[in-house]
Amino acid sequence: MPFLKLSTNVTIEQSQSEQLLKELSQLLAKETGKPERYVMVQVTGGKAMLFGGSNQPLAYLECKSIGLTAAQAKVLSASLSKLLTSALSLTAERIYIEFSNCPAEFWGWNGSTFG
């Protein structure tokens, strides 16, 4: 049920994208305490984006999960920023992350919901 969507203006090669998807999936499962089999990750690079009036390398992430806590969001913010600064040569000041705690009854899967 955790979902992470990464949009960036950095061009990401196919092999780099595959590795990044894998690393983000494992990180999200670990930090949320959810089985990785429920984790979904999307990575889109090469987007036309500005942050603070500049097109210097940047990233915007949406992170949604059932039962996501403020403490988990804080830890995820640090660990996601660390991973992206390494993998995409971003600075943490150029990364925005939107966290959402979704009620189980509003998260559909397998023809039903989790609630």
C-alpha atoms as a PDB file:
ATOM      1  CA  MET A   1       0.000   0.000   0.000  1.00  0.00           C
ATOM      2  CA  PRO A   2       2.854   2.492   0.257  1.00  0.00           C
ATOM      3  CA  PHE A   3       3.240   4.465  -2.976  1.00  0.00           C
ATOM      4  CA  LEU A   4       6.149   6.718  -3.870  1.00  0.00           C
ATOM      5  CA  LYS A   5       6.152   8.906  -6.972  1.00  0.00           C
ATOM      6  CA  LEU A   6       9.363  10.697  -7.933  1.00  0.00           C
ATOM      7  CA  SER A   7       9.418  13.469 -10.534  1.00  0.00           C
ATOM      8  CA  THR A   8      12.695  15.176 -11.378  1.00  0.00           C
ATOM      9  CA  ASN A   9      14.229  17.360 -14.046  1.00  0.00           C
ATOM     10  CA  VAL A  10      17.335  15.164 -13.961  1.00  0.00           C
ATOM     11  CA  THR A  11      17.641  12.799 -16.928  1.00  0.00           C
ATOM     12  CA  ILE A  12      17.711   9.215 -15.682  1.00  0.00           C
ATOM     13  CA  GLU A  13      19.126   6.430 -17.862  1.00  0.00           C
ATOM     14  CA  GLN A  14      17.227   3.109 -18.018  1.00  0.00           C
ATOM     15  CA  SER A  15      19.772   1.148 -15.976  1.00  0.00           C
ATOM     16  CA  GLN A  16      19.931   3.933 -13.378  1.00  0.00           C
ATOM     17  CA  SER A  17      16.122   4.026 -13.244  1.00  0.00           C
ATOM     18  CA  GLU A  18      15.903   0.290 -12.571  1.00  0.00           C
ATOM     19  CA  GLN A  19      18.417   0.552  -9.729  1.00  0.00           C
ATOM     20  CA  LEU A  20      16.717   3.623  -8.271  1.00  0.00           C
ATOM     21  CA  LEU A  21      13.304   1.927  -8.373  1.00  0.00           C
ATOM     22  CA  LYS A  22      14.730  -1.049  -6.502  1.00  0.00           C
ATOM     23  CA  GLU A  23      16.436   1.094  -3.858  1.00  0.00           C
ATOM     24  CA  LEU A  24      13.381   3.304  -3.323  1.00  0.00           C
ATOM     25  CA  SER A  25      11.096   0.267  -3.002  1.00  0.00           C
ATOM     26  CA  GLN A  26      13.316  -1.371  -0.395  1.00  0.00           C
ATOM     27  CA  LEU A  27      13.724   1.883   1.535  1.00  0.00           C
ATOM     28  CA  LEU A  28       9.970   2.559   1.577  1.00  0.00           C
ATOM     29  CA  ALA A  29       9.189  -0.970   2.780  1.00  0.00           C
ATOM     30  CA  LYS A  30      11.809  -0.738   5.529  1.00  0.00           C
ATOM     31  CA  GLU A  31      10.810   2.716   6.794  1.00  0.00           C
ATOM     32  CA  THR A  32       7.037   2.079   6.744  1.00  0.00           C
ATOM     33  CA  GLY A  33       7.289  -1.468   8.118  1.00  0.00           C
ATOM     34  CA  LYS A  34       5.130  -2.744   5.233  1.00  0.00           C
ATOM     35  CA  PRO A  35       5.912  -5.823   3.124  1.00  0.00           C
ATOM     36  CA  GLU A  36       7.685  -4.845  -0.083  1.00  0.00           C
ATOM     37  CA  ARG A  37       5.147  -6.880  -2.062  1.00  0.00           C
ATOM     38  CA  TYR A  38       2.662  -4.033  -1.374  1.00  0.00           C
ATOM     39  CA  VAL A  39       5.061  -1.193  -2.251  1.00  0.00           C
ATOM     40  CA  MET A  40       4.663   0.688  -5.551  1.00  0.00           C
ATOM     41  CA  VAL A  41       7.240   3.151  -6.875  1.00  0.00           C
ATOM     42  CA  GLN A  42       7.206   5.377  -9.954  1.00  0.00           C
ATOM     43  CA  VAL A  43      10.227   7.312 -11.233  1.00  0.00           C
ATOM     44  CA  THR A  44       9.964   9.941 -13.951  1.00  0.00           C
ATOM     45  CA  GLY A  45      13.059  11.850 -15.008  1.00  0.00           C
ATOM     46  CA  GLY A  46      13.723  14.571 -17.539  1.00  0.00           C
ATOM     47  CA  LYS A  47      10.631  16.602 -16.591  1.00  0.00           C
ATOM     48  CA  ALA A  48      10.380  20.341 -17.281  1.00  0.00           C
ATOM     49  CA  MET A  49      10.435  21.704 -13.712  1.00  0.00           C
ATOM     50  CA  LEU A  50      11.448  24.833 -11.811  1.00  0.00           C
ATOM     51  CA  PHE A  51      12.024  25.306  -8.092  1.00  0.00           C
ATOM     52  CA  GLY A  52      12.667  28.759  -6.685  1.00  0.00           C
ATOM     53  CA  GLY A  53      12.773  30.130 -10.216  1.00  0.00           C
ATOM     54  CA  SER A  54      15.677  27.844 -11.139  1.00  0.00           C
ATOM     55  CA  ASN A  55      15.896  24.711 -13.253  1.00  0.00           C
ATOM     56  CA  GLN A  56      18.939  23.427 -11.369  1.00  0.00           C
ATOM     57  CA  PRO A  57      18.558  19.706 -10.472  1.00  0.00           C
ATOM     58  CA  LEU A  58      15.486  19.148  -8.299  1.00  0.00           C
ATOM     59  CA  ALA A  59      12.984  16.504  -7.265  1.00  0.00           C
ATOM     60  CA  TYR A  60       9.391  16.343  -6.076  1.00  0.00           C
ATOM     61  CA  LEU A  61       8.121  13.211  -4.364  1.00  0.00           C
ATOM     62  CA  GLU A  62       4.667  12.087  -3.271  1.00  0.00           C
ATOM     63  CA  CYS A  63       4.676   9.445  -0.558  1.00  0.00           C
ATOM     64  CA  LYS A  64       1.347   7.894   0.443  1.00  0.00           C
ATOM     65  CA  SER A  65       0.600   5.018   2.771  1.00  0.00           C
ATOM     66  CA  ILE A  66      -1.986   3.628   5.116  1.00  0.00           C
ATOM     67  CA  GLY A  67      -1.045   4.453   8.708  1.00  0.00           C
ATOM     68  CA  LEU A  68       1.859   6.743   7.845  1.00  0.00           C
ATOM     69  CA  THR A  69       2.919   8.566  10.999  1.00  0.00           C
ATOM     70  CA  ALA A  70       4.620  11.939  11.459  1.00  0.00           C
ATOM     71  CA  ALA A  71       7.648  10.140  12.894  1.00  0.00           C
ATOM     72  CA  GLN A  72       7.887   7.888   9.826  1.00  0.00           C
ATOM     73  CA  ALA A  73       7.556  10.920   7.532  1.00  0.00           C
ATOM     74  CA  LYS A  74      10.462  12.621   9.282  1.00  0.00           C
ATOM     75  CA  VAL A  75      12.672   9.540   8.960  1.00  0.00           C
ATOM     76  CA  LEU A  76      11.607   9.033   5.332  1.00  0.00           C
ATOM     77  CA  SER A  77      12.383  12.666   4.520  1.00  0.00           C
ATOM     78  CA  ALA A  78      15.950  12.185   5.727  1.00  0.00           C
ATOM     79  CA  SER A  79      16.509   8.776   4.120  1.00  0.00           C
ATOM     80  CA  LEU A  80      14.896   9.676   0.773  1.00  0.00           C
ATOM     81  CA  SER A  81      16.898  12.907   0.600  1.00  0.00           C
ATOM     82  CA  LYS A  82      20.108  11.026   1.362  1.00  0.00           C
ATOM     83  CA  LEU A  83      19.413   8.443  -1.338  1.00  0.00           C
ATOM     84  CA  LEU A  84      18.533  11.069  -3.954  1.00  0.00           C
ATOM     85  CA  THR A  85      21.498  13.311  -3.202  1.00  0.00           C
ATOM     86  CA  SER A  86      23.707  10.300  -3.854  1.00  0.00           C
ATOM     87  CA  ALA A  87      21.868   8.751  -6.812  1.00  0.00           C
ATOM     88  CA  LEU A  88      20.916  11.925  -8.705  1.00  0.00           C
ATOM     89  CA  SER A  89      23.477  14.456  -7.424  1.00  0.00           C
ATOM     90  CA  LEU A  90      20.746  16.637  -5.917  1.00  0.00           C
ATOM     91  CA  THR A  91      21.054  18.797  -2.839  1.00  0.00           C
ATOM     92  CA  ALA A  92      18.523  18.270  -0.046  1.00  0.00           C
ATOM     93  CA  GLU A  93      17.430  21.917  -0.402  1.00  0.00           C
ATOM     94  CA  ARG A  94      16.167  21.087  -3.926  1.00  0.00           C
ATOM     95  CA  ILE A  95      13.894  18.219  -2.835  1.00  0.00           C
ATOM     96  CA  TYR A  96      10.246  18.567  -1.816  1.00  0.00           C
ATOM     97  CA  ILE A  97       8.366  15.577  -0.401  1.00  0.00           C
ATOM     98  CA  GLU A  98       4.615  15.470   0.154  1.00  0.00           C
ATOM     99  CA  PHE A  99       3.512  12.851   2.690  1.00  0.00           C
ATOM    100  CA  SER A 100      -0.066  11.546   2.949  1.00  0.00           C
ATOM    101  CA  ASN A 101      -1.633   9.135   5.420  1.00  0.00           C
ATOM    102  CA  CYS A 102      -4.481   7.441   3.583  1.00  0.00           C
ATOM    103  CA  PRO A 103      -7.306   5.744   5.508  1.00  0.00           C
ATOM    104  CA  ALA A 104      -7.425   1.997   4.785  1.00  0.00           C
ATOM    105  CA  GLU A 105     -11.015   2.196   3.569  1.00  0.00           C
ATOM    106  CA  PHE A 106      -9.905   4.618   0.824  1.00  0.00           C
ATOM    107  CA  TRP A 107      -7.065   2.478  -0.527  1.00  0.00           C
ATOM    108  CA  GLY A 108      -8.232  -0.070  -3.094  1.00  0.00           C
ATOM    109  CA  TRP A 109      -6.473  -3.278  -4.020  1.00  0.00           C
ATOM    110  CA  ASN A 110      -7.424  -6.666  -5.441  1.00  0.00           C
ATOM    111  CA  GLY A 111     -11.040  -5.654  -6.112  1.00  0.00           C
ATOM    112  CA  SER A 112     -11.669  -4.325  -2.605  1.00  0.00           C
ATOM    113  CA  THR A 113     -10.082  -1.988  -0.057  1.00  0.00           C
ATOM    114  CA  PHE A 114      -7.811  -2.494   2.943  1.00  0.00           C
ATOM    115  CA  GLY A 115     -10.488  -1.170   5.333  1.00  0.00           C
END
